[in-house]
Amino acid sequence: TAVDAVVAAHAAGQTVASRKASQIALEAFTAALPELLGGSADLT
């Protein structure tokens, strides 16, 4: 899953904020890891 996420990011080569890059990575990791429990301090 980690390799796929990194390779996909490299292949896409998107120009985005790294906060958005984090969400893109999280889409892959949260789908694969049910133990990931997220949150935000009123700044989702």
PDB file of all heavy atoms in Angstrom:
ATOM      1  N   THR A   1       0.836  -1.207   0.000  1.00  0.00           N
ATOM      2  CA  THR A   1       0.000   0.000   0.000  1.00  0.00           C
ATOM      3  C   THR A   1       0.867   1.251   0.000  1.00  0.00           C
ATOM      4  O   THR A   1       0.596   2.217  -0.723  1.00  0.00           O
ATOM      5  CB  THR A   1      -0.927   0.009   1.235  1.00  0.00           C
ATOM      6  OG1 THR A   1      -1.784  -1.132   1.191  1.00  0.00           O
ATOM      7  CG2 THR A   1      -1.773   1.274   1.285  1.00  0.00           C
ATOM      8  N   ALA A   2       1.920   1.229   0.829  1.00  0.00           N
ATOM      9  CA  ALA A   2       2.820   2.381   0.908  1.00  0.00           C
ATOM     10  C   ALA A   2       3.534   2.605  -0.419  1.00  0.00           C
ATOM     11  O   ALA A   2       3.626   3.737  -0.913  1.00  0.00           O
ATOM     12  CB  ALA A   2       3.825   2.178   2.038  1.00  0.00           C
ATOM     13  N   VAL A   3       4.045   1.541  -0.997  1.00  0.00           N
ATOM     14  CA  VAL A   3       4.731   1.662  -2.294  1.00  0.00           C
ATOM     15  C   VAL A   3       3.783   2.207  -3.351  1.00  0.00           C
ATOM     16  O   VAL A   3       4.134   3.108  -4.122  1.00  0.00           O
ATOM     17  CB  VAL A   3       5.303   0.294  -2.729  1.00  0.00           C
ATOM     18  CG1 VAL A   3       5.770   0.351  -4.179  1.00  0.00           C
ATOM     19  CG2 VAL A   3       6.451  -0.111  -1.821  1.00  0.00           C
ATOM     20  N   ASP A   4       2.572   1.681  -3.382  1.00  0.00           N
ATOM     21  CA  ASP A   4       1.594   2.130  -4.372  1.00  0.00           C
ATOM     22  C   ASP A   4       1.274   3.608  -4.202  1.00  0.00           C
ATOM     23  O   ASP A   4       1.145   4.346  -5.197  1.00  0.00           O
ATOM     24  CB  ASP A   4       0.307   1.311  -4.257  1.00  0.00           C
ATOM     25  CG  ASP A   4       0.492  -0.135  -4.697  1.00  0.00           C
ATOM     26  OD1 ASP A   4       1.521  -0.438  -5.332  1.00  0.00           O
ATOM     27  OD2 ASP A   4      -0.387  -0.962  -4.382  1.00  0.00           O
ATOM     28  N   ALA A   5       1.143   4.063  -2.966  1.00  0.00           N
ATOM     29  CA  ALA A   5       0.830   5.463  -2.710  1.00  0.00           C
ATOM     30  C   ALA A   5       1.959   6.372  -3.166  1.00  0.00           C
ATOM     31  O   ALA A   5       1.727   7.434  -3.770  1.00  0.00           O
ATOM     32  CB  ALA A   5       0.546   5.683  -1.223  1.00  0.00           C
ATOM     33  N   VAL A   6       3.202   5.963  -2.889  1.00  0.00           N
ATOM     34  CA  VAL A   6       4.362   6.775  -3.275  1.00  0.00           C
ATOM     35  C   VAL A   6       4.518   6.804  -4.791  1.00  0.00           C
ATOM     36  O   VAL A   6       4.723   7.860  -5.393  1.00  0.00           O
ATOM     37  CB  VAL A   6       5.639   6.228  -2.595  1.00  0.00           C
ATOM     38  CG1 VAL A   6       6.875   6.933  -3.134  1.00  0.00           C
ATOM     39  CG2 VAL A   6       5.549   6.392  -1.081  1.00  0.00           C
ATOM     40  N   VAL A   7       4.397   5.644  -5.425  1.00  0.00           N
ATOM     41  CA  VAL A   7       4.544   5.571  -6.882  1.00  0.00           C
ATOM     42  C   VAL A   7       3.433   6.358  -7.579  1.00  0.00           C
ATOM     43  O   VAL A   7       3.677   7.058  -8.572  1.00  0.00           O
ATOM     44  CB  VAL A   7       4.556   4.101  -7.345  1.00  0.00           C
ATOM     45  CG1 VAL A   7       4.483   4.005  -8.869  1.00  0.00           C
ATOM     46  CG2 VAL A   7       5.813   3.401  -6.837  1.00  0.00           C
ATOM     47  N   ALA A   8       2.220   6.259  -7.059  1.00  0.00           N
ATOM     48  CA  ALA A   8       1.107   7.000  -7.654  1.00  0.00           C
ATOM     49  C   ALA A   8       1.334   8.506  -7.561  1.00  0.00           C
ATOM     50  O   ALA A   8       1.060   9.254  -8.510  1.00  0.00           O
ATOM     51  CB  ALA A   8      -0.201   6.618  -6.962  1.00  0.00           C
ATOM     52  N   ALA A   9       1.846   8.946  -6.417  1.00  0.00           N
ATOM     53  CA  ALA A   9       2.132  10.374  -6.264  1.00  0.00           C
ATOM     54  C   ALA A   9       3.209  10.815  -7.246  1.00  0.00           C
ATOM     55  O   ALA A   9       3.113  11.888  -7.869  1.00  0.00           O
ATOM     56  CB  ALA A   9       2.567  10.663  -4.831  1.00  0.00           C
ATOM     57  N   HIS A  10       4.226   9.993  -7.399  1.00  0.00           N
ATOM     58  CA  HIS A  10       5.316  10.321  -8.320  1.00  0.00           C
ATOM     59  C   HIS A  10       4.819  10.362  -9.767  1.00  0.00           C
ATOM     60  O   HIS A  10       5.170  11.257 -10.541  1.00  0.00           O
ATOM     61  CB  HIS A  10       6.431   9.291  -8.164  1.00  0.00           C
ATOM     62  CG  HIS A  10       7.578   9.487  -9.103  1.00  0.00           C
ATOM     63  ND1 HIS A  10       8.357  10.622  -9.096  1.00  0.00           N
ATOM     64  CD2 HIS A  10       8.083   8.681 -10.078  1.00  0.00           C
ATOM     65  CE1 HIS A  10       9.295  10.515 -10.031  1.00  0.00           C
ATOM     66  NE2 HIS A  10       9.152   9.348 -10.646  1.00  0.00           N
ATOM     67  N   ALA A  11       3.983   9.398 -10.120  1.00  0.00           N
ATOM     68  CA  ALA A  11       3.485   9.331 -11.492  1.00  0.00           C
ATOM     69  C   ALA A  11       2.578  10.516 -11.814  1.00  0.00           C
ATOM     70  O   ALA A  11       2.627  11.067 -12.920  1.00  0.00           O
ATOM     71  CB  ALA A  11       2.735   8.022 -11.708  1.00  0.00           C
ATOM     72  N   ALA A  12       1.760  10.917 -10.849  1.00  0.00           N
ATOM     73  CA  ALA A  12       0.828  12.027 -11.091  1.00  0.00           C
ATOM     74  C   ALA A  12       1.547  13.365 -11.135  1.00  0.00           C
ATOM     75  O   ALA A  12       1.199  14.254 -11.913  1.00  0.00           O
ATOM     76  CB  ALA A  12      -0.263  12.034 -10.026  1.00  0.00           C
ATOM     77  N   GLY A  13       2.556  13.524 -10.271  1.00  0.00           N
ATOM     78  CA  GLY A  13       3.341  14.754 -10.263  1.00  0.00           C
ATOM     79  C   GLY A  13       2.514  16.012 -10.102  1.00  0.00           C
ATOM     80  O   GLY A  13       2.775  17.030 -10.749  1.00  0.00           O
ATOM     81  N   GLN A  14       1.553  15.971  -9.205  1.00  0.00           N
ATOM     82  CA  GLN A  14       0.625  17.092  -9.057  1.00  0.00           C
ATOM     83  C   GLN A  14       1.261  18.304  -8.374  1.00  0.00           C
ATOM     84  O   GLN A  14       2.119  18.171  -7.499  1.00  0.00           O
ATOM     85  CB  GLN A  14      -0.590  16.651  -8.243  1.00  0.00           C
ATOM     86  CG  GLN A  14      -1.485  15.652  -8.930  1.00  0.00           C
ATOM     87  CD  GLN A  14      -2.592  15.184  -8.006  1.00  0.00           C
ATOM     88  OE1 GLN A  14      -2.396  14.295  -7.174  1.00  0.00           O
ATOM     89  NE2 GLN A  14      -3.761  15.783  -8.142  1.00  0.00           N
ATOM     90  N   THR A  15       0.780  19.462  -8.750  1.00  0.00           N
ATOM     91  CA  THR A  15       1.118  20.701  -8.056  1.00  0.00           C
ATOM     92  C   THR A  15      -0.028  21.017  -7.102  1.00  0.00           C
ATOM     93  O   THR A  15      -1.093  21.492  -7.515  1.00  0.00           O
ATOM     94  CB  THR A  15       1.327  21.862  -9.041  1.00  0.00           C
ATOM     95  OG1 THR A  15       2.501  21.609  -9.815  1.00  0.00           O
ATOM     96  CG2 THR A  15       1.502  23.181  -8.301  1.00  0.00           C
ATOM     97  N   VAL A  16       0.159  20.695  -5.856  1.00  0.00           N
ATOM     98  CA  VAL A  16      -0.856  20.926  -4.821  1.00  0.00           C
ATOM     99  C   VAL A  16      -0.145  21.328  -3.536  1.00  0.00           C
ATOM    100  O   VAL A  16       1.064  21.118  -3.376  1.00  0.00           O
ATOM    101  CB  VAL A  16      -1.712  19.660  -4.555  1.00  0.00           C
ATOM    102  CG1 VAL A  16      -2.541  19.295  -5.773  1.00  0.00           C
ATOM    103  CG2 VAL A  16      -0.842  18.485  -4.118  1.00  0.00           C
ATOM    104  N   ALA A  17      -0.901  21.901  -2.607  1.00  0.00           N
ATOM    105  CA  ALA A  17      -0.352  22.168  -1.279  1.00  0.00           C
ATOM    106  C   ALA A  17      -0.021  20.842  -0.609  1.00  0.00           C
ATOM    107  O   ALA A  17      -0.688  19.831  -0.852  1.00  0.00           O
ATOM    108  CB  ALA A  17      -1.353  22.949  -0.441  1.00  0.00           C
ATOM    109  N   SER A  18       0.999  20.835   0.246  1.00  0.00           N
ATOM    110  CA  SER A  18       1.334  19.562   0.888  1.00  0.00           C
ATOM    111  C   SER A  18       0.243  19.123   1.863  1.00  0.00           C
ATOM    112  O   SER A  18       0.153  17.931   2.183  1.00  0.00           O
ATOM    113  CB  SER A  18       2.703  19.624   1.573  1.00  0.00           C
ATOM    114  OG  SER A  18       2.807  20.696   2.460  1.00  0.00           O
ATOM    115  N   ARG A  19      -0.612  20.040   2.319  1.00  0.00           N
ATOM    116  CA  ARG A  19      -1.760  19.598   3.122  1.00  0.00           C
ATOM    117  C   ARG A  19      -2.707  18.766   2.259  1.00  0.00           C
ATOM    118  O   ARG A  19      -3.298  17.797   2.722  1.00  0.00           O
ATOM    119  CB  ARG A  19      -2.495  20.785   3.744  1.00  0.00           C
ATOM    120  CG  ARG A  19      -3.053  21.788   2.742  1.00  0.00           C
ATOM    121  CD  ARG A  19      -3.938  22.817   3.401  1.00  0.00           C
ATOM    122  NE  ARG A  19      -4.366  23.838   2.445  1.00  0.00           N
ATOM    123  CZ  ARG A  19      -5.371  24.674   2.657  1.00  0.00           C
ATOM    124  NH1 ARG A  19      -6.049  24.633   3.788  1.00  0.00           N
ATOM    125  NH2 ARG A  19      -5.700  25.575   1.747  1.00  0.00           N
ATOM    126  N   LYS A  20      -2.856  19.148   0.983  1.00  0.00           N
ATOM    127  CA  LYS A  20      -3.675  18.356   0.064  1.00  0.00           C
ATOM    128  C   LYS A  20      -2.962  17.056  -0.287  1.00  0.00           C
ATOM    129  O   LYS A  20      -3.605  15.998  -0.396  1.00  0.00           O
ATOM    130  CB  LYS A  20      -3.961  19.159  -1.211  1.00  0.00           C
ATOM    131  CG  LYS A  20      -4.828  18.405  -2.230  1.00  0.00           C
ATOM    132  CD  LYS A  20      -6.204  18.072  -1.662  1.00  0.00           C
ATOM    133  CE  LYS A  20      -7.085  17.357  -2.679  1.00  0.00           C
ATOM    134  NZ  LYS A  20      -8.401  16.978  -2.095  1.00  0.00           N
ATOM    135  N   ALA A  21      -1.645  17.119  -0.442  1.00  0.00           N
ATOM    136  CA  ALA A  21      -0.872  15.901  -0.687  1.00  0.00           C
ATOM    137  C   ALA A  21      -1.066  14.915   0.466  1.00  0.00           C
ATOM    138  O   ALA A  21      -1.136  13.696   0.258  1.00  0.00           O
ATOM    139  CB  ALA A  21       0.606  16.239  -0.856  1.00  0.00           C
ATOM    140  N   SER A  22      -1.159  15.441   1.683  1.00  0.00           N
ATOM    141  CA  SER A  22      -1.402  14.591   2.853  1.00  0.00           C
ATOM    142  C   SER A  22      -2.755  13.911   2.748  1.00  0.00           C
ATOM    143  O   SER A  22      -2.885  12.708   3.022  1.00  0.00           O
ATOM    144  CB  SER A  22      -1.328  15.440   4.129  1.00  0.00           C
ATOM    145  OG  SER A  22      -1.764  14.718   5.257  1.00  0.00           O
ATOM    146  N   GLN A  23      -3.763  14.649   2.342  1.00  0.00           N
ATOM    147  CA  GLN A  23      -5.092  14.050   2.206  1.00  0.00           C
ATOM    148  C   GLN A  23      -5.105  12.978   1.112  1.00  0.00           C
ATOM    149  O   GLN A  23      -5.748  11.933   1.268  1.00  0.00           O
ATOM    150  CB  GLN A  23      -6.134  15.119   1.900  1.00  0.00           C
ATOM    151  CG  GLN A  23      -7.565  14.594   1.916  1.00  0.00           C
ATOM    152  CD  GLN A  23      -8.576  15.680   1.629  1.00  0.00           C
ATOM    153  OE1 GLN A  23      -8.414  16.475   0.697  1.00  0.00           O
ATOM    154  NE2 GLN A  23      -9.640  15.731   2.435  1.00  0.00           N
ATOM    155  N   ILE A  24      -4.381  13.235   0.018  1.00  0.00           N
ATOM    156  CA  ILE A  24      -4.298  12.236  -1.051  1.00  0.00           C
ATOM    157  C   ILE A  24      -3.678  10.942  -0.520  1.00  0.00           C
ATOM    158  O   ILE A  24      -4.157   9.838  -0.791  1.00  0.00           O
ATOM    159  CB  ILE A  24      -3.484  12.790  -2.234  1.00  0.00           C
ATOM    160  CG1 ILE A  24      -4.242  13.953  -2.905  1.00  0.00           C
ATOM    161  CG2 ILE A  24      -3.191  11.694  -3.248  1.00  0.00           C
ATOM    162  CD1 ILE A  24      -3.404  14.731  -3.904  1.00  0.00           C
ATOM    163  N   ALA A  25      -2.596  11.083   0.247  1.00  0.00           N
ATOM    164  CA  ALA A  25      -1.969   9.904   0.846  1.00  0.00           C
ATOM    165  C   ALA A  25      -2.916   9.218   1.825  1.00  0.00           C
ATOM    166  O   ALA A  25      -3.027   7.982   1.858  1.00  0.00           O
ATOM    167  CB  ALA A  25      -0.671  10.296   1.538  1.00  0.00           C
ATOM    168  N   LEU A  26      -3.628  10.023   2.600  1.00  0.00           N
ATOM    169  CA  LEU A  26      -4.549   9.465   3.584  1.00  0.00           C
ATOM    170  C   LEU A  26      -5.692   8.702   2.932  1.00  0.00           C
ATOM    171  O   LEU A  26      -6.208   7.739   3.521  1.00  0.00           O
ATOM    172  CB  LEU A  26      -5.111  10.581   4.475  1.00  0.00           C
ATOM    173  CG  LEU A  26      -4.276  10.957   5.695  1.00  0.00           C
ATOM    174  CD1 LEU A  26      -4.859  12.181   6.382  1.00  0.00           C
ATOM    175  CD2 LEU A  26      -4.205   9.785   6.678  1.00  0.00           C
ATOM    176  N   GLU A  27      -6.118   9.123   1.763  1.00  0.00           N
ATOM    177  CA  GLU A  27      -7.172   8.377   1.074  1.00  0.00           C
ATOM    178  C   GLU A  27      -6.742   6.924   0.893  1.00  0.00           C
ATOM    179  O   GLU A  27      -7.533   5.992   1.093  1.00  0.00           O
ATOM    180  CB  GLU A  27      -7.483   9.012  -0.285  1.00  0.00           C
ATOM    181  CG  GLU A  27      -8.228  10.334  -0.223  1.00  0.00           C
ATOM    182  CD  GLU A  27      -9.684  10.188   0.192  1.00  0.00           C
ATOM    183  OE1 GLU A  27     -10.168   9.051   0.386  1.00  0.00           O
ATOM    184  OE2 GLU A  27     -10.351  11.227   0.340  1.00  0.00           O
ATOM    185  N   ALA A  28      -5.484   6.727   0.508  1.00  0.00           N
ATOM    186  CA  ALA A  28      -4.985   5.367   0.322  1.00  0.00           C
ATOM    187  C   ALA A  28      -4.813   4.649   1.652  1.00  0.00           C
ATOM    188  O   ALA A  28      -5.227   3.485   1.808  1.00  0.00           O
ATOM    189  CB  ALA A  28      -3.659   5.399  -0.439  1.00  0.00           C
ATOM    190  N   PHE A  29      -4.226   5.327   2.621  1.00  0.00           N
ATOM    191  CA  PHE A  29      -3.906   4.651   3.878  1.00  0.00           C
ATOM    192  C   PHE A  29      -5.152   4.379   4.726  1.00  0.00           C
ATOM    193  O   PHE A  29      -5.247   3.326   5.367  1.00  0.00           O
ATOM    194  CB  PHE A  29      -2.881   5.465   4.661  1.00  0.00           C
ATOM    195  CG  PHE A  29      -1.507   5.420   4.066  1.00  0.00           C
ATOM    196  CD1 PHE A  29      -0.844   6.589   3.708  1.00  0.00           C
ATOM    197  CD2 PHE A  29      -0.863   4.214   3.839  1.00  0.00           C
ATOM    198  CE1 PHE A  29       0.430   6.557   3.151  1.00  0.00           C
ATOM    199  CE2 PHE A  29       0.408   4.161   3.284  1.00  0.00           C
ATOM    200  CZ  PHE A  29       1.053   5.334   2.930  1.00  0.00           C
ATOM    201  N   THR A  30      -6.093   5.307   4.782  1.00  0.00           N
ATOM    202  CA  THR A  30      -7.294   5.063   5.599  1.00  0.00           C
ATOM    203  C   THR A  30      -8.168   3.967   5.002  1.00  0.00           C
ATOM    204  O   THR A  30      -8.851   3.239   5.728  1.00  0.00           O
ATOM    205  CB  THR A  30      -8.123   6.346   5.773  1.00  0.00           C
ATOM    206  OG1 THR A  30      -8.439   6.897   4.490  1.00  0.00           O
ATOM    207  CG2 THR A  30      -7.384   7.365   6.613  1.00  0.00           C
ATOM    208  N   ALA A  31      -8.137   3.832   3.666  1.00  0.00           N
ATOM    209  CA  ALA A  31      -8.896   2.748   3.039  1.00  0.00           C
ATOM    210  C   ALA A  31      -8.279   1.392   3.356  1.00  0.00           C
ATOM    211  O   ALA A  31      -8.989   0.390   3.479  1.00  0.00           O
ATOM    212  CB  ALA A  31      -8.958   2.961   1.527  1.00  0.00           C
ATOM    213  N   ALA A  32      -6.974   1.358   3.517  1.00  0.00           N
ATOM    214  CA  ALA A  32      -6.265   0.093   3.737  1.00  0.00           C
ATOM    215  C   ALA A  32      -6.082  -0.248   5.206  1.00  0.00           C
ATOM    216  O   ALA A  32      -5.900  -1.415   5.562  1.00  0.00           O
ATOM    217  CB  ALA A  32      -4.898   0.144   3.052  1.00  0.00           C
ATOM    218  N   LEU A  33      -6.100   0.751   6.077  1.00  0.00           N
ATOM    219  CA  LEU A  33      -5.832   0.542   7.502  1.00  0.00           C
ATOM    220  C   LEU A  33      -7.036   0.993   8.329  1.00  0.00           C
ATOM    221  O   LEU A  33      -7.191   2.178   8.626  1.00  0.00           O
ATOM    222  CB  LEU A  33      -4.590   1.328   7.947  1.00  0.00           C
ATOM    223  CG  LEU A  33      -3.218   0.682   7.716  1.00  0.00           C
ATOM    224  CD1 LEU A  33      -2.902   0.606   6.228  1.00  0.00           C
ATOM    225  CD2 LEU A  33      -2.136   1.479   8.439  1.00  0.00           C
ATOM    226  N   PRO A  34      -7.900   0.067   8.736  1.00  0.00           N
ATOM    227  CA  PRO A  34      -9.078   0.454   9.526  1.00  0.00           C
ATOM    228  C   PRO A  34      -8.730   1.007  10.896  1.00  0.00           C
ATOM    229  O   PRO A  34      -9.582   1.638  11.545  1.00  0.00           O
ATOM    230  CB  PRO A  34      -9.865  -0.852   9.638  1.00  0.00           C
ATOM    231  CG  PRO A  34      -8.858  -1.934   9.417  1.00  0.00           C
ATOM    232  CD  PRO A  34      -7.861  -1.373   8.454  1.00  0.00           C
ATOM    233  N   GLU A  35      -7.492   0.797  11.342  1.00  0.00           N
ATOM    234  CA  GLU A  35      -7.098   1.314  12.658  1.00  0.00           C
ATOM    235  C   GLU A  35      -6.775   2.800  12.643  1.00  0.00           C
ATOM    236  O   GLU A  35      -6.597   3.400  13.719  1.00  0.00           O
ATOM    237  CB  GLU A  35      -5.900   0.532  13.213  1.00  0.00           C
ATOM    238  CG  GLU A  35      -4.649   0.562  12.357  1.00  0.00           C
ATOM    239  CD  GLU A  35      -4.507  -0.666  11.478  1.00  0.00           C
ATOM    240  OE1 GLU A  35      -5.489  -1.047  10.827  1.00  0.00           O
ATOM    241  OE2 GLU A  35      -3.414  -1.263  11.447  1.00  0.00           O
ATOM    242  N   LEU A  36      -6.697   3.408  11.485  1.00  0.00           N
ATOM    243  CA  LEU A  36      -6.427   4.844  11.442  1.00  0.00           C
ATOM    244  C   LEU A  36      -7.657   5.603  11.920  1.00  0.00           C
ATOM    245  O   LEU A  36      -8.752   5.478  11.359  1.00  0.00           O
ATOM    246  CB  LEU A  36      -6.045   5.278  10.028  1.00  0.00           C
ATOM    247  CG  LEU A  36      -4.575   5.096   9.659  1.00  0.00           C
ATOM    248  CD1 LEU A  36      -4.337   5.403   8.185  1.00  0.00           C
ATOM    249  CD2 LEU A  36      -3.688   5.979  10.526  1.00  0.00           C
ATOM    250  N   LEU A  37      -7.473   6.409  12.961  1.00  0.00           N
ATOM    251  CA  LEU A  37      -8.559   7.177  13.571  1.00  0.00           C
ATOM    252  C   LEU A  37      -8.160   8.645  13.544  1.00  0.00           C
ATOM    253  O   LEU A  37      -7.259   9.063  14.275  1.00  0.00           O
ATOM    254  CB  LEU A  37      -8.796   6.699  15.009  1.00  0.00           C
ATOM    255  CG  LEU A  37      -9.927   7.364  15.786  1.00  0.00           C
ATOM    256  CD1 LEU A  37     -11.276   7.118  15.120  1.00  0.00           C
ATOM    257  CD2 LEU A  37      -9.956   6.851  17.227  1.00  0.00           C
ATOM    258  N   GLY A  38      -8.804   9.410  12.675  1.00  0.00           N
ATOM    259  CA  GLY A  38      -8.376  10.785  12.441  1.00  0.00           C
ATOM    260  C   GLY A  38      -9.148  11.811  13.239  1.00  0.00           C
ATOM    261  O   GLY A  38     -10.009  11.497  14.056  1.00  0.00           O
ATOM    262  N   GLY A  39      -8.838  13.071  12.968  1.00  0.00           N
ATOM    263  CA  GLY A  39      -9.530  14.153  13.643  1.00  0.00           C
ATOM    264  C   GLY A  39      -8.891  15.486  13.370  1.00  0.00           C
ATOM    265  O   GLY A  39      -7.844  15.585  12.713  1.00  0.00           O
ATOM    266  N   SER A  40      -9.530  16.522  13.870  1.00  0.00           N
ATOM    267  CA  SER A  40      -9.019  17.879  13.701  1.00  0.00           C
ATOM    268  C   SER A  40      -9.605  18.762  14.786  1.00  0.00           C
ATOM    269  O   SER A  40     -10.722  18.537  15.261  1.00  0.00           O
ATOM    270  CB  SER A  40      -9.391  18.426  12.319  1.00  0.00           C
ATOM    271  OG  SER A  40      -9.001  19.779  12.181  1.00  0.00           O
ATOM    272  N   ALA A  41      -8.832  19.769  15.170  1.00  0.00           N
ATOM    273  CA  ALA A  41      -9.274  20.723  16.195  1.00  0.00           C
ATOM    274  C   ALA A  41     -10.045  21.867  15.531  1.00  0.00           C
ATOM    275  O   ALA A  41      -9.601  23.009  15.496  1.00  0.00           O
ATOM    276  CB  ALA A  41      -8.081  21.245  16.984  1.00  0.00           C
ATOM    277  N   ASP A  42     -11.203  21.519  14.963  1.00  0.00           N
ATOM    278  CA  ASP A  42     -12.117  22.478  14.339  1.00  0.00           C
ATOM    279  C   ASP A  42     -11.529  23.109  13.085  1.00  0.00           C
ATOM    280  O   ASP A  42     -11.847  24.249  12.741  1.00  0.00           O
ATOM    281  CB  ASP A  42     -12.526  23.580  15.329  1.00  0.00           C
ATOM    282  CG  ASP A  42     -13.823  24.261  14.908  1.00  0.00           C
ATOM    283  OD1 ASP A  42     -14.778  23.549  14.555  1.00  0.00           O
ATOM    284  OD2 ASP A  42     -13.879  25.501  14.913  1.00  0.00           O
ATOM    285  N   LEU A  43     -10.655  22.364  12.404  1.00  0.00           N
ATOM    286  CA  LEU A  43     -10.009  22.887  11.199  1.00  0.00           C
ATOM    287  C   LEU A  43      -9.999  21.836  10.087  1.00  0.00           C
ATOM    288  O   LEU A  43      -9.089  21.801   9.261  1.00  0.00           O
ATOM    289  CB  LEU A  43      -8.568  23.316  11.514  1.00  0.00           C
ATOM    290  CG  LEU A  43      -8.395  24.569  12.371  1.00  0.00           C
ATOM    291  CD1 LEU A  43      -6.963  24.701  12.857  1.00  0.00           C
ATOM    292  CD2 LEU A  43      -8.802  25.811  11.591  1.00  0.00           C
ATOM    293  N   THR A  44     -11.018  20.997  10.065  1.00  0.00           N
ATOM    294  CA  THR A  44     -11.015  19.892   9.109  1.00  0.00           C
ATOM    295  C   THR A  44     -10.849  20.380   7.673  1.00  0.00           C
ATOM    296  O   THR A  44     -10.069  19.828   6.898  1.00  0.00           O
ATOM    297  CB  THR A  44     -12.307  19.067   9.231  1.00  0.00           C
ATOM    298  OG1 THR A  44     -12.412  18.567  10.569  1.00  0.00           O
ATOM    299  CG2 THR A  44     -12.297  17.896   8.260  1.00  0.00           C
TER     300      THR A  44
END
